[in-house]
Structures are given as structure tokens and as C-alpha cells.
Amino acid sequence: MFEDLRELYQEVILDHGKNPRNCHPLEGASHMAHGNNPMCGDTLDIFLKVDEAGSIADVSFFGRGCAISVASASMMTEILKGKTVAEARKLTEDFQSMCTKDDFDFEGAVNGLDEDAVERLQMLSGVKEFPVRVKCATLAWHTMNAAVVDGGEVTTE
């Protein structure tokens, strides 16, 4: 059973890596930031359209990177559409913990958030077994967070 689940996760990650969703500059973006992972060579720009109510009306990314970095950015764009900026920042925090902590509290993360989003992010949480890949998986999320806080640039170093 566990092996079947691992294979499914790998298939989803490979699909997003090879066929990324929302991979284009977003015209009329209200927020933008550039992210860089010098260790891997990943570089991403994150674009968001945030409406007056603080909801993410649209989100995209553009750049290049390894399969994990691109898959994470692609999955992030699908998950964040329609979320509030506060929800997006909470998901970023939870995703970082999910990728780095063995004692991540899944039930606590789901409480008050989109359970489907947290479950989908679990597909990428296996990177914690490969610490050098955590930066690849979290780059888009840190860049999105920088975009909604003050724009500019973020690096994994």
C-alpha cells in the first residue's frame, strides 16, 4: 500500500514537473517577487493578482528549475487560487514544517484550512528525506511569501 502511494506521488510530481500549470508571466499582477536557489540553479518569478478583499484571484510562475522546484510551483499555483493571502502564508508555514519536521502536526495544519490543499502538499513532503531538496520544494512558496510581503527577491542561501 505504502509503495503504491509513493508511486502515485512520484507520478503527480513528474506530471507537474513536465507539464507545469500556470507557467507564464501574469499580466496585471499586483504582487511579484523573484526567487533563486543558487545551489540547484532554480530561478522563479511568482506573480499574484490579489483583489481588494485580500483573496488571490490569480497566480502564476515563470522560470526554470529542477523537477521538484517546478512541480512545487505548479502545485502551489493550483492550490492558492481563491485563497486569502493569510491562508497562503499559513500554507507556506505548514509546508515548510511538513518538509523539515518529523513531528509535523497534520491534524493541526488541516484545522481551519483546506484539507485537500494540505493533503496535496504531502506529496512533496518526502523531500525531508533529502535535505538538499527541501530548498527546491520550498523556493516557490518562499517567493510567493516575499511577493505578498514586500516584493523583491528571495534566495535559499
C-alpha atoms as a PDB file:
ATOM      1  CA  MET A   1       0.000   0.000   0.000  1.00  0.00           C
ATOM      2  CA  PHE A   2       2.721   2.470   1.008  1.00  0.00           C
ATOM      3  CA  GLU A   3       4.697   1.691  -2.165  1.00  0.00           C
ATOM      4  CA  ASP A   4       1.588   2.330  -4.310  1.00  0.00           C
ATOM      5  CA  LEU A   5       1.099   5.701  -2.621  1.00  0.00           C
ATOM      6  CA  ARG A   6       4.756   6.620  -3.145  1.00  0.00           C
ATOM      7  CA  GLU A   7       4.453   5.741  -6.845  1.00  0.00           C
ATOM      8  CA  LEU A   8       1.318   7.879  -7.179  1.00  0.00           C
ATOM      9  CA  TYR A   9       3.089  10.819  -5.518  1.00  0.00           C
ATOM     10  CA  GLN A  10       6.051  10.411  -7.880  1.00  0.00           C
ATOM     11  CA  GLU A  11       3.729  10.336 -10.891  1.00  0.00           C
ATOM     12  CA  VAL A  12       1.958  13.536  -9.792  1.00  0.00           C
ATOM     13  CA  ILE A  13       5.267  15.321  -9.145  1.00  0.00           C
ATOM     14  CA  LEU A  14       6.672  14.197 -12.515  1.00  0.00           C
ATOM     15  CA  ASP A  15       3.498  15.316 -14.293  1.00  0.00           C
ATOM     16  CA  HIS A  16       3.655  18.791 -12.726  1.00  0.00           C
ATOM     17  CA  GLY A  17       7.394  18.949 -13.436  1.00  0.00           C
ATOM     18  CA  LYS A  18       6.992  18.059 -17.112  1.00  0.00           C
ATOM     19  CA  ASN A  19       3.650  19.831 -17.688  1.00  0.00           C
ATOM     20  CA  PRO A  20       3.585  22.743 -15.254  1.00  0.00           C
ATOM     21  CA  ARG A  21       0.315  24.547 -14.717  1.00  0.00           C
ATOM     22  CA  ASN A  22       0.127  28.351 -14.711  1.00  0.00           C
ATOM     23  CA  CYS A  23       3.685  28.719 -16.021  1.00  0.00           C
ATOM     24  CA  HIS A  24       3.653  32.165 -17.633  1.00  0.00           C
ATOM     25  CA  PRO A  25       4.113  35.790 -16.628  1.00  0.00           C
ATOM     26  CA  LEU A  26       0.837  37.189 -15.307  1.00  0.00           C
ATOM     27  CA  GLU A  27      -0.185  40.497 -16.846  1.00  0.00           C
ATOM     28  CA  GLY A  28      -1.592  42.992 -14.384  1.00  0.00           C
ATOM     29  CA  ALA A  29      -0.099  41.252 -11.363  1.00  0.00           C
ATOM     30  CA  SER A  30      -0.457  43.244  -8.158  1.00  0.00           C
ATOM     31  CA  HIS A  31       2.394  41.384  -6.434  1.00  0.00           C
ATOM     32  CA  MET A  32       5.596  39.867  -7.747  1.00  0.00           C
ATOM     33  CA  ALA A  33       8.890  38.516  -6.434  1.00  0.00           C
ATOM     34  CA  HIS A  34      11.952  36.735  -7.771  1.00  0.00           C
ATOM     35  CA  GLY A  35      13.294  33.585  -6.128  1.00  0.00           C
ATOM     36  CA  ASN A  36      16.685  31.989  -6.563  1.00  0.00           C
ATOM     37  CA  ASN A  37      18.197  28.720  -5.361  1.00  0.00           C
ATOM     38  CA  PRO A  38      21.890  29.059  -6.272  1.00  0.00           C
ATOM     39  CA  MET A  39      22.711  25.527  -5.104  1.00  0.00           C
ATOM     40  CA  CYS A  40      20.449  23.959  -7.722  1.00  0.00           C
ATOM     41  CA  GLY A  41      20.212  26.798 -10.243  1.00  0.00           C
ATOM     42  CA  ASP A  42      16.446  27.157  -9.804  1.00  0.00           C
ATOM     43  CA  THR A  43      15.105  30.623 -10.540  1.00  0.00           C
ATOM     44  CA  LEU A  44      11.422  31.561 -10.403  1.00  0.00           C
ATOM     45  CA  ASP A  45       9.304  34.662 -10.629  1.00  0.00           C
ATOM     46  CA  ILE A  46       5.975  34.485  -8.818  1.00  0.00           C
ATOM     47  CA  PHE A  47       3.066  36.672  -9.947  1.00  0.00           C
ATOM     48  CA  LEU A  48      -0.147  37.248  -7.993  1.00  0.00           C
ATOM     49  CA  LYS A  49      -3.338  39.193  -8.540  1.00  0.00           C
ATOM     50  CA  VAL A  50      -4.743  39.972  -5.119  1.00  0.00           C
ATOM     51  CA  ASP A  51      -8.194  41.541  -5.011  1.00  0.00           C
ATOM     52  CA  GLU A  52      -9.405  44.253  -2.641  1.00  0.00           C
ATOM     53  CA  ALA A  53     -10.711  41.642  -0.181  1.00  0.00           C
ATOM     54  CA  GLY A  54      -7.227  40.086   0.118  1.00  0.00           C
ATOM     55  CA  SER A  55      -8.021  36.987  -1.942  1.00  0.00           C
ATOM     56  CA  ILE A  56      -5.694  35.593  -4.577  1.00  0.00           C
ATOM     57  CA  ALA A  57      -7.676  35.939  -7.791  1.00  0.00           C
ATOM     58  CA  ASP A  58      -4.876  34.562  -9.958  1.00  0.00           C
ATOM     59  CA  VAL A  59      -1.325  33.299  -9.532  1.00  0.00           C
ATOM     60  CA  SER A  60       1.388  32.111 -11.881  1.00  0.00           C
ATOM     61  CA  PHE A  61       5.105  31.492 -12.032  1.00  0.00           C
ATOM     62  CA  PHE A  62       7.765  31.702 -14.664  1.00  0.00           C
ATOM     63  CA  GLY A  63      11.294  30.416 -14.622  1.00  0.00           C
ATOM     64  CA  ARG A  64      13.336  27.280 -14.735  1.00  0.00           C
ATOM     65  CA  GLY A  65      14.411  24.715 -12.258  1.00  0.00           C
ATOM     66  CA  CYS A  66      14.632  21.085 -11.342  1.00  0.00           C
ATOM     67  CA  ALA A  67      11.550  18.851 -11.484  1.00  0.00           C
ATOM     68  CA  ILE A  68      10.815  19.285  -7.778  1.00  0.00           C
ATOM     69  CA  SER A  69      11.050  23.074  -7.921  1.00  0.00           C
ATOM     70  CA  VAL A  70       8.821  23.322 -10.995  1.00  0.00           C
ATOM     71  CA  ALA A  71       6.326  20.763  -9.642  1.00  0.00           C
ATOM     72  CA  SER A  72       6.089  22.615  -6.340  1.00  0.00           C
ATOM     73  CA  ALA A  73       5.496  25.953  -8.101  1.00  0.00           C
ATOM     74  CA  SER A  74       2.880  24.378 -10.376  1.00  0.00           C
ATOM     75  CA  MET A  75       1.049  22.737  -7.468  1.00  0.00           C
ATOM     76  CA  MET A  76       1.259  25.950  -5.453  1.00  0.00           C
ATOM     77  CA  THR A  77      -0.456  27.962  -8.191  1.00  0.00           C
ATOM     78  CA  GLU A  78      -3.334  25.485  -8.316  1.00  0.00           C
ATOM     79  CA  ILE A  79      -3.717  25.409  -4.543  1.00  0.00           C
ATOM     80  CA  LEU A  80      -3.557  29.171  -3.917  1.00  0.00           C
ATOM     81  CA  LYS A  81      -6.185  30.398  -6.376  1.00  0.00           C
ATOM     82  CA  GLY A  82      -9.120  31.657  -4.346  1.00  0.00           C
ATOM     83  CA  LYS A  83      -7.272  31.545  -1.019  1.00  0.00           C
ATOM     84  CA  THR A  84      -6.737  34.659   1.053  1.00  0.00           C
ATOM     85  CA  VAL A  85      -3.225  35.998   1.492  1.00  0.00           C
ATOM     86  CA  ALA A  86      -3.416  34.959   5.159  1.00  0.00           C
ATOM     87  CA  GLU A  87      -4.341  31.394   4.151  1.00  0.00           C
ATOM     88  CA  ALA A  88      -1.492  31.337   1.616  1.00  0.00           C
ATOM     89  CA  ARG A  89       1.015  32.448   4.244  1.00  0.00           C
ATOM     90  CA  LYS A  90      -0.266  29.786   6.672  1.00  0.00           C
ATOM     91  CA  LEU A  91       0.042  27.106   3.986  1.00  0.00           C
ATOM     92  CA  THR A  92       3.618  28.281   3.331  1.00  0.00           C
ATOM     93  CA  GLU A  93       4.450  27.930   7.017  1.00  0.00           C
ATOM     94  CA  ASP A  94       2.833  24.496   7.204  1.00  0.00           C
ATOM     95  CA  PHE A  95       4.547  23.319   4.021  1.00  0.00           C
ATOM     96  CA  GLN A  96       7.954  24.385   5.348  1.00  0.00           C
ATOM     97  CA  SER A  97       7.285  22.449   8.568  1.00  0.00           C
ATOM     98  CA  MET A  98       5.970  19.464   6.627  1.00  0.00           C
ATOM     99  CA  CYS A  99       9.222  19.335   4.637  1.00  0.00           C
ATOM    100  CA  THR A 100      11.569  19.722   7.602  1.00  0.00           C
ATOM    101  CA  LYS A 101       9.977  18.283  10.758  1.00  0.00           C
ATOM    102  CA  ASP A 102       9.402  14.626  11.511  1.00  0.00           C
ATOM    103  CA  ASP A 103       6.745  15.532  14.066  1.00  0.00           C
ATOM    104  CA  PHE A 104       4.650  17.708  11.744  1.00  0.00           C
ATOM    105  CA  ASP A 105       1.099  18.001  13.109  1.00  0.00           C
ATOM    106  CA  PHE A 106      -1.054  17.176  10.082  1.00  0.00           C
ATOM    107  CA  GLU A 107      -4.314  17.393  12.031  1.00  0.00           C
ATOM    108  CA  GLY A 108      -3.362  20.816  13.405  1.00  0.00           C
ATOM    109  CA  ALA A 109      -2.483  22.082   9.939  1.00  0.00           C
ATOM    110  CA  VAL A 110      -5.781  20.943   8.480  1.00  0.00           C
ATOM    111  CA  ASN A 111      -7.760  22.593  11.275  1.00  0.00           C
ATOM    112  CA  GLY A 112      -9.294  25.687   9.704  1.00  0.00           C
ATOM    113  CA  LEU A 113      -7.600  25.251   6.326  1.00  0.00           C
ATOM    114  CA  ASP A 114      -8.311  23.432   3.109  1.00  0.00           C
ATOM    115  CA  GLU A 115      -7.722  19.752   3.928  1.00  0.00           C
ATOM    116  CA  ASP A 116      -7.302  18.931   0.229  1.00  0.00           C
ATOM    117  CA  ALA A 117      -4.513  21.508  -0.109  1.00  0.00           C
ATOM    118  CA  VAL A 118      -2.602  20.115   2.862  1.00  0.00           C
ATOM    119  CA  GLU A 119      -3.029  16.554   1.583  1.00  0.00           C
ATOM    120  CA  ARG A 120      -1.765  17.547  -1.878  1.00  0.00           C
ATOM    121  CA  LEU A 121       1.275  19.203  -0.342  1.00  0.00           C
ATOM    122  CA  GLN A 122       2.092  15.968   1.448  1.00  0.00           C
ATOM    123  CA  MET A 123       3.106  14.610  -1.958  1.00  0.00           C
ATOM    124  CA  LEU A 124       6.142  16.876  -1.824  1.00  0.00           C
ATOM    125  CA  SER A 125       6.934  16.364   1.852  1.00  0.00           C
ATOM    126  CA  GLY A 126       9.094  13.339   1.060  1.00  0.00           C
ATOM    127  CA  VAL A 127      11.904  15.788   0.298  1.00  0.00           C
ATOM    128  CA  LYS A 128      12.665  15.842   4.031  1.00  0.00           C
ATOM    129  CA  GLU A 129      14.482  12.543   3.398  1.00  0.00           C
ATOM    130  CA  PHE A 130      16.811  14.523   1.104  1.00  0.00           C
ATOM    131  CA  PRO A 131      17.589  17.807   2.926  1.00  0.00           C
ATOM    132  CA  VAL A 132      19.287  19.387  -0.084  1.00  0.00           C
ATOM    133  CA  ARG A 133      15.961  19.067  -1.984  1.00  0.00           C
ATOM    134  CA  VAL A 134      13.927  20.937   0.661  1.00  0.00           C
ATOM    135  CA  LYS A 135      15.132  24.243  -0.802  1.00  0.00           C
ATOM    136  CA  CYS A 136      13.938  23.140  -4.242  1.00  0.00           C
ATOM    137  CA  ALA A 137      10.467  22.280  -2.952  1.00  0.00           C
ATOM    138  CA  THR A 138      10.034  25.423  -0.850  1.00  0.00           C
ATOM    139  CA  LEU A 139      11.514  28.036  -3.221  1.00  0.00           C
ATOM    140  CA  ALA A 140       8.202  28.946  -4.891  1.00  0.00           C
ATOM    141  CA  TRP A 141       6.468  29.189  -1.512  1.00  0.00           C
ATOM    142  CA  HIS A 142       9.116  31.484  -0.021  1.00  0.00           C
ATOM    143  CA  THR A 143       8.998  33.588  -3.185  1.00  0.00           C
ATOM    144  CA  MET A 144       5.198  33.844  -3.004  1.00  0.00           C
ATOM    145  CA  ASN A 145       5.500  34.922   0.628  1.00  0.00           C
ATOM    146  CA  ALA A 146       8.034  37.598  -0.354  1.00  0.00           C
ATOM    147  CA  ALA A 147       5.683  38.803  -3.098  1.00  0.00           C
ATOM    148  CA  VAL A 148       2.800  39.424  -0.700  1.00  0.00           C
ATOM    149  CA  VAL A 149       5.005  40.968   1.993  1.00  0.00           C
ATOM    150  CA  ASP A 150       7.151  43.419   0.057  1.00  0.00           C
ATOM    151  CA  GLY A 151       8.104  42.066  -3.373  1.00  0.00           C
ATOM    152  CA  GLY A 152      11.738  41.980  -4.280  1.00  0.00           C
ATOM    153  CA  GLU A 153      13.948  38.934  -4.251  1.00  0.00           C
ATOM    154  CA  VAL A 154      14.389  35.894  -2.055  1.00  0.00           C
ATOM    155  CA  THR A 155      17.173  33.353  -2.054  1.00  0.00           C
ATOM    156  CA  THR A 156      17.516  29.973  -0.413  1.00  0.00           C
ATOM    157  CA  GLU A 157      21.028  30.827   0.779  1.00  0.00           C
END
